[in-house]
Structure formats: C-alpha cells, structure tokens
Amino acid sequence: MSKKINWVSEILEKHNVENEPLLEEQLELFEKDIRADEHRKTLLQKQSALEISKTLEKL
C-alpha cells in the first residue's frame, strides 16, 4: 500500500505540481480507500473461514 502512495508522492514532487493541498487530500482519500479494501478482504476471509468451520462441524 505505502509503495503506491510513495510512488504518487514522488511524481507530484518531480513535477512541482500546483494545488498541493487538493492533491494531498486526494492522496489521503486514496490511502483510506486502499485501507478499506484491505479491511473488506480481511473480513471476507474471516467470514469464509467461519463458514468452512461450521460446515466441518456438521460433518
């Protein structure tokens, strides 16, 4: 995750991009999006593990 964000930051710095506060805000939102996706994946994995566990208990 941080590699993607660092990559974006490096591009912004190289090009001396204007509107830095707006870009920083977008970067923060991007980071939150990535964290939310990772959290969703973790929850889905836990849900799948729980379902498998319940199925195995029935056997």
PDB file of N, CA and C in Angstrom:
ATOM      1  N   MET A   1       0.822  -1.182   0.000  1.00  0.00           N
ATOM      2  CA  MET A   1       0.000   0.000   0.000  1.00  0.00           C
ATOM      3  C   MET A   1       0.868   1.247   0.000  1.00  0.00           C
ATOM      4  N   SER A   2       1.801   1.349   0.924  1.00  0.00           N
ATOM      5  CA  SER A   2       2.608   2.566   1.015  1.00  0.00           C
ATOM      6  C   SER A   2       3.479   2.761  -0.218  1.00  0.00           C
ATOM      7  N   LYS A   3       3.822   1.661  -0.914  1.00  0.00           N
ATOM      8  CA  LYS A   3       4.616   1.806  -2.136  1.00  0.00           C
ATOM      9  C   LYS A   3       3.841   2.607  -3.173  1.00  0.00           C
ATOM     10  N   LYS A   4       2.536   2.315  -3.295  1.00  0.00           N
ATOM     11  CA  LYS A   4       1.705   3.045  -4.256  1.00  0.00           C
ATOM     12  C   LYS A   4       1.654   4.521  -3.890  1.00  0.00           C
ATOM     13  N   ILE A   5       1.459   4.795  -2.614  1.00  0.00           N
ATOM     14  CA  ILE A   5       1.342   6.176  -2.166  1.00  0.00           C
ATOM     15  C   ILE A   5       2.664   6.907  -2.345  1.00  0.00           C
ATOM     16  N   ASN A   6       3.767   6.276  -2.012  1.00  0.00           N
ATOM     17  CA  ASN A   6       5.079   6.900  -2.206  1.00  0.00           C
ATOM     18  C   ASN A   6       5.321   7.204  -3.674  1.00  0.00           C
ATOM     19  N   TRP A   7       4.922   6.306  -4.536  1.00  0.00           N
ATOM     20  CA  TRP A   7       5.076   6.487  -5.972  1.00  0.00           C
ATOM     21  C   TRP A   7       4.321   7.726  -6.428  1.00  0.00           C
ATOM     22  N   VAL A   8       3.092   7.883  -5.966  1.00  0.00           N
ATOM     23  CA  VAL A   8       2.293   9.059  -6.332  1.00  0.00           C
ATOM     24  C   VAL A   8       2.954  10.323  -5.789  1.00  0.00           C
ATOM     25  N   SER A   9       3.415  10.277  -4.559  1.00  0.00           N
ATOM     26  CA  SER A   9       4.080  11.446  -3.959  1.00  0.00           C
ATOM     27  C   SER A   9       5.318  11.849  -4.747  1.00  0.00           C
ATOM     28  N   GLU A  10       6.091  10.858  -5.167  1.00  0.00           N
ATOM     29  CA  GLU A  10       7.302  11.144  -5.945  1.00  0.00           C
ATOM     30  C   GLU A  10       6.963  11.836  -7.263  1.00  0.00           C
ATOM     31  N   ILE A  11       5.922  11.384  -7.914  1.00  0.00           N
ATOM     32  CA  ILE A  11       5.512  12.004  -9.186  1.00  0.00           C
ATOM     33  C   ILE A  11       5.127  13.463  -8.944  1.00  0.00           C
ATOM     34  N   LEU A  12       4.358  13.706  -7.892  1.00  0.00           N
ATOM     35  CA  LEU A  12       3.935  15.073  -7.585  1.00  0.00           C
ATOM     36  C   LEU A  12       5.142  15.968  -7.316  1.00  0.00           C
ATOM     37  N   GLU A  13       6.099  15.455  -6.583  1.00  0.00           N
ATOM     38  CA  GLU A  13       7.299  16.244  -6.272  1.00  0.00           C
ATOM     39  C   GLU A  13       8.126  16.522  -7.523  1.00  0.00           C
ATOM     40  N   LYS A  14       8.285  15.523  -8.379  1.00  0.00           N
ATOM     41  CA  LYS A  14       9.095  15.689  -9.592  1.00  0.00           C
ATOM     42  C   LYS A  14       8.539  16.784 -10.492  1.00  0.00           C
ATOM     43  N   HIS A  15       7.224  16.873 -10.547  1.00  0.00           N
ATOM     44  CA  HIS A  15       6.598  17.810 -11.479  1.00  0.00           C
ATOM     45  C   HIS A  15       6.210  19.130 -10.818  1.00  0.00           C
ATOM     46  N   ASN A  16       6.621  19.311  -9.553  1.00  0.00           N
ATOM     47  CA  ASN A  16       6.293  20.545  -8.827  1.00  0.00           C
ATOM     48  C   ASN A  16       4.834  20.938  -9.052  1.00  0.00           C
ATOM     49  N   VAL A  17       3.979  20.018  -8.766  1.00  0.00           N
ATOM     50  CA  VAL A  17       2.556  20.191  -9.048  1.00  0.00           C
ATOM     51  C   VAL A  17       1.963  21.289  -8.161  1.00  0.00           C
ATOM     52  N   GLU A  18       1.116  22.123  -8.788  1.00  0.00           N
ATOM     53  CA  GLU A  18       0.411  23.158  -8.040  1.00  0.00           C
ATOM     54  C   GLU A  18      -0.823  22.532  -7.400  1.00  0.00           C
ATOM     55  N   ASN A  19      -1.558  23.314  -6.645  1.00  0.00           N
ATOM     56  CA  ASN A  19      -2.746  22.832  -5.940  1.00  0.00           C
ATOM     57  C   ASN A  19      -2.392  21.683  -5.005  1.00  0.00           C
ATOM     58  N   GLU A  20      -1.272  21.820  -4.355  1.00  0.00           N
ATOM     59  CA  GLU A  20      -0.778  20.743  -3.480  1.00  0.00           C
ATOM     60  C   GLU A  20      -1.787  20.319  -2.404  1.00  0.00           C
ATOM     61  N   PRO A  21      -2.478  21.265  -1.735  1.00  0.00           N
ATOM     62  CA  PRO A  21      -3.435  20.825  -0.704  1.00  0.00           C
ATOM     63  C   PRO A  21      -4.518  19.910  -1.273  1.00  0.00           C
ATOM     64  N   LEU A  22      -5.011  20.241  -2.447  1.00  0.00           N
ATOM     65  CA  LEU A  22      -6.038  19.413  -3.079  1.00  0.00           C
ATOM     66  C   LEU A  22      -5.479  18.033  -3.401  1.00  0.00           C
ATOM     67  N   LEU A  23      -4.275  17.988  -3.930  1.00  0.00           N
ATOM     68  CA  LEU A  23      -3.661  16.708  -4.268  1.00  0.00           C
ATOM     69  C   LEU A  23      -3.370  15.892  -3.016  1.00  0.00           C
ATOM     70  N   GLU A  24      -2.955  16.562  -1.957  1.00  0.00           N
ATOM     71  CA  GLU A  24      -2.702  15.852  -0.696  1.00  0.00           C
ATOM     72  C   GLU A  24      -3.997  15.251  -0.173  1.00  0.00           C
ATOM     73  N   GLU A  25      -5.096  15.999  -0.303  1.00  0.00           N
ATOM     74  CA  GLU A  25      -6.398  15.495   0.143  1.00  0.00           C
ATOM     75  C   GLU A  25      -6.789  14.264  -0.674  1.00  0.00           C
ATOM     76  N   GLN A  26      -6.582  14.332  -1.987  1.00  0.00           N
ATOM     77  CA  GLN A  26      -6.892  13.192  -2.845  1.00  0.00           C
ATOM     78  C   GLN A  26      -6.019  11.994  -2.492  1.00  0.00           C
ATOM     79  N   LEU A  27      -4.779  12.248  -2.170  1.00  0.00           N
ATOM     80  CA  LEU A  27      -3.853  11.186  -1.786  1.00  0.00           C
ATOM     81  C   LEU A  27      -4.317  10.519  -0.487  1.00  0.00           C
ATOM     82  N   GLU A  28      -4.782  11.327   0.470  1.00  0.00           N
ATOM     83  CA  GLU A  28      -5.293  10.773   1.725  1.00  0.00           C
ATOM     84  C   GLU A  28      -6.529   9.916   1.468  1.00  0.00           C
ATOM     85  N   LEU A  29      -7.415  10.389   0.594  1.00  0.00           N
ATOM     86  CA  LEU A  29      -8.610   9.607   0.267  1.00  0.00           C
ATOM     87  C   LEU A  29      -8.234   8.295  -0.411  1.00  0.00           C
ATOM     88  N   PHE A  30      -7.252   8.356  -1.285  1.00  0.00           N
ATOM     89  CA  PHE A  30      -6.755   7.166  -1.972  1.00  0.00           C
ATOM     90  C   PHE A  30      -6.229   6.156  -0.950  1.00  0.00           C
ATOM     91  N   GLU A  31      -5.471   6.659   0.021  1.00  0.00           N
ATOM     92  CA  GLU A  31      -4.913   5.796   1.062  1.00  0.00           C
ATOM     93  C   GLU A  31      -6.033   5.158   1.887  1.00  0.00           C
ATOM     94  N   LYS A  32      -7.053   5.944   2.236  1.00  0.00           N
ATOM     95  CA  LYS A  32      -8.185   5.411   3.005  1.00  0.00           C
ATOM     96  C   LYS A  32      -8.925   4.350   2.204  1.00  0.00           C
ATOM     97  N   ASP A  33      -9.075   4.588   0.911  1.00  0.00           N
ATOM     98  CA  ASP A  33      -9.721   3.612   0.025  1.00  0.00           C
ATOM     99  C   ASP A  33      -8.977   2.281   0.040  1.00  0.00           C
ATOM    100  N   ILE A  34      -7.667   2.356  -0.051  1.00  0.00           N
ATOM    101  CA  ILE A  34      -6.847   1.142  -0.058  1.00  0.00           C
ATOM    102  C   ILE A  34      -7.013   0.401   1.259  1.00  0.00           C
ATOM    103  N   ARG A  35      -6.978   1.144   2.364  1.00  0.00           N
ATOM    104  CA  ARG A  35      -7.132   0.505   3.679  1.00  0.00           C
ATOM    105  C   ARG A  35      -8.512  -0.128   3.813  1.00  0.00           C
ATOM    106  N   ALA A  36      -9.542   0.545   3.301  1.00  0.00           N
ATOM    107  CA  ALA A  36     -10.898  -0.003   3.363  1.00  0.00           C
ATOM    108  C   ALA A  36     -10.991  -1.292   2.550  1.00  0.00           C
ATOM    109  N   ASP A  37     -10.378  -1.305   1.375  1.00  0.00           N
ATOM    110  CA  ASP A  37     -10.374  -2.520   0.552  1.00  0.00           C
ATOM    111  C   ASP A  37      -9.674  -3.667   1.269  1.00  0.00           C
ATOM    112  N   GLU A  38      -8.550  -3.371   1.897  1.00  0.00           N
ATOM    113  CA  GLU A  38      -7.817  -4.407   2.632  1.00  0.00           C
ATOM    114  C   GLU A  38      -8.660  -4.930   3.791  1.00  0.00           C
ATOM    115  N   HIS A  39      -9.375  -4.038   4.459  1.00  0.00           N
ATOM    116  CA  HIS A  39     -10.228  -4.439   5.581  1.00  0.00           C
ATOM    117  C   HIS A  39     -11.371  -5.333   5.086  1.00  0.00           C
ATOM    118  N   ARG A  40     -11.981  -4.952   3.949  1.00  0.00           N
ATOM    119  CA  ARG A  40     -13.055  -5.774   3.371  1.00  0.00           C
ATOM    120  C   ARG A  40     -12.554  -7.174   3.037  1.00  0.00           C
ATOM    121  N   LYS A  41     -11.377  -7.248   2.439  1.00  0.00           N
ATOM    122  CA  LYS A  41     -10.797  -8.553   2.092  1.00  0.00           C
ATOM    123  C   LYS A  41     -10.586  -9.400   3.338  1.00  0.00           C
ATOM    124  N   THR A  42     -10.077  -8.776   4.397  1.00  0.00           N
ATOM    125  CA  THR A  42      -9.851  -9.495   5.652  1.00  0.00           C
ATOM    126  C   THR A  42     -11.169 -10.013   6.214  1.00  0.00           C
ATOM    127  N   LEU A  43     -12.198  -9.168   6.194  1.00  0.00           N
ATOM    128  CA  LEU A  43     -13.498  -9.593   6.707  1.00  0.00           C
ATOM    129  C   LEU A  43     -14.073 -10.738   5.881  1.00  0.00           C
ATOM    130  N   LEU A  44     -13.923 -10.675   4.568  1.00  0.00           N
ATOM    131  CA  LEU A  44     -14.409 -11.759   3.714  1.00  0.00           C
ATOM    132  C   LEU A  44     -13.661 -13.056   3.987  1.00  0.00           C
ATOM    133  N   GLN A  45     -12.360 -12.958   4.210  1.00  0.00           N
ATOM    134  CA  GLN A  45     -11.574 -14.152   4.530  1.00  0.00           C
ATOM    135  C   GLN A  45     -12.028 -14.750   5.853  1.00  0.00           C
ATOM    136  N   LYS A  46     -12.284 -13.912   6.842  1.00  0.00           N
ATOM    137  CA  LYS A  46     -12.754 -14.397   8.143  1.00  0.00           C
ATOM    138  C   LYS A  46     -14.127 -15.040   8.010  1.00  0.00           C
ATOM    139  N   GLN A  47     -14.999 -14.418   7.213  1.00  0.00           N
ATOM    140  CA  GLN A  47     -16.335 -14.959   7.005  1.00  0.00           C
ATOM    141  C   GLN A  47     -16.246 -16.327   6.328  1.00  0.00           C
ATOM    142  N   SER A  48     -15.406 -16.445   5.324  1.00  0.00           N
ATOM    143  CA  SER A  48     -15.225 -17.719   4.628  1.00  0.00           C
ATOM    144  C   SER A  48     -14.687 -18.780   5.577  1.00  0.00           C
ATOM    145  N   ALA A  49     -13.723 -18.412   6.397  1.00  0.00           N
ATOM    146  CA  ALA A  49     -13.150 -19.358   7.355  1.00  0.00           C
ATOM    147  C   ALA A  49     -14.208 -19.824   8.347  1.00  0.00           C
ATOM    148  N   LEU A  50     -15.057 -18.920   8.787  1.00  0.00           N
ATOM    149  CA  LEU A  50     -16.122 -19.266   9.720  1.00  0.00           C
ATOM    150  C   LEU A  50     -17.117 -20.218   9.065  1.00  0.00           C
ATOM    151  N   GLU A  51     -17.491 -19.944   7.820  1.00  0.00           N
ATOM    152  CA  GLU A  51     -18.419 -20.819   7.100  1.00  0.00           C
ATOM    153  C   GLU A  51     -17.824 -22.208   6.904  1.00  0.00           C
ATOM    154  N   ILE A  52     -16.549 -22.277   6.570  1.00  0.00           N
ATOM    155  CA  ILE A  52     -15.878 -23.570   6.397  1.00  0.00           C
ATOM    156  C   ILE A  52     -15.864 -24.314   7.729  1.00  0.00           C
ATOM    157  N   SER A  53     -15.572 -23.601   8.799  1.00  0.00           N
ATOM    158  CA  SER A  53     -15.527 -24.201  10.130  1.00  0.00           C
ATOM    159  C   SER A  53     -16.888 -24.781  10.507  1.00  0.00           C
ATOM    160  N   LYS A  54     -17.952 -24.027  10.255  1.00  0.00           N
ATOM    161  CA  LYS A  54     -19.309 -24.504  10.567  1.00  0.00           C
ATOM    162  C   LYS A  54     -19.653 -25.731   9.735  1.00  0.00           C
ATOM    163  N   THR A  55     -19.259 -25.722   8.467  1.00  0.00           N
ATOM    164  CA  THR A  55     -19.521 -26.866   7.591  1.00  0.00           C
ATOM    165  C   THR A  55     -18.789 -28.101   8.103  1.00  0.00           C
ATOM    166  N   LEU A  56     -17.547 -27.934   8.514  1.00  0.00           N
ATOM    167  CA  LEU A  56     -16.761 -29.058   9.025  1.00  0.00           C
ATOM    168  C   LEU A  56     -17.346 -29.604  10.327  1.00  0.00           C
ATOM    169  N   GLU A  57     -17.888 -28.728  11.159  1.00  0.00           N
ATOM    170  CA  GLU A  57     -18.509 -29.178  12.410  1.00  0.00           C
ATOM    171  C   GLU A  57     -19.716 -30.059  12.131  1.00  0.00           C
ATOM    172  N   LYS A  58     -20.452 -29.751  11.066  1.00  0.00           N
ATOM    173  CA  LYS A  58     -21.639 -30.539  10.711  1.00  0.00           C
ATOM    174  C   LYS A  58     -21.255 -31.937  10.253  1.00  0.00           C
ATOM    175  N   LEU A  59     -20.072 -32.083   9.682  1.00  0.00           N
ATOM    176  CA  LEU A  59     -19.624 -33.385   9.193  1.00  0.00           C
ATOM    177  C   LEU A  59     -19.238 -34.201  10.361  1.00  0.00           C
TER     178      LEU A  59
END
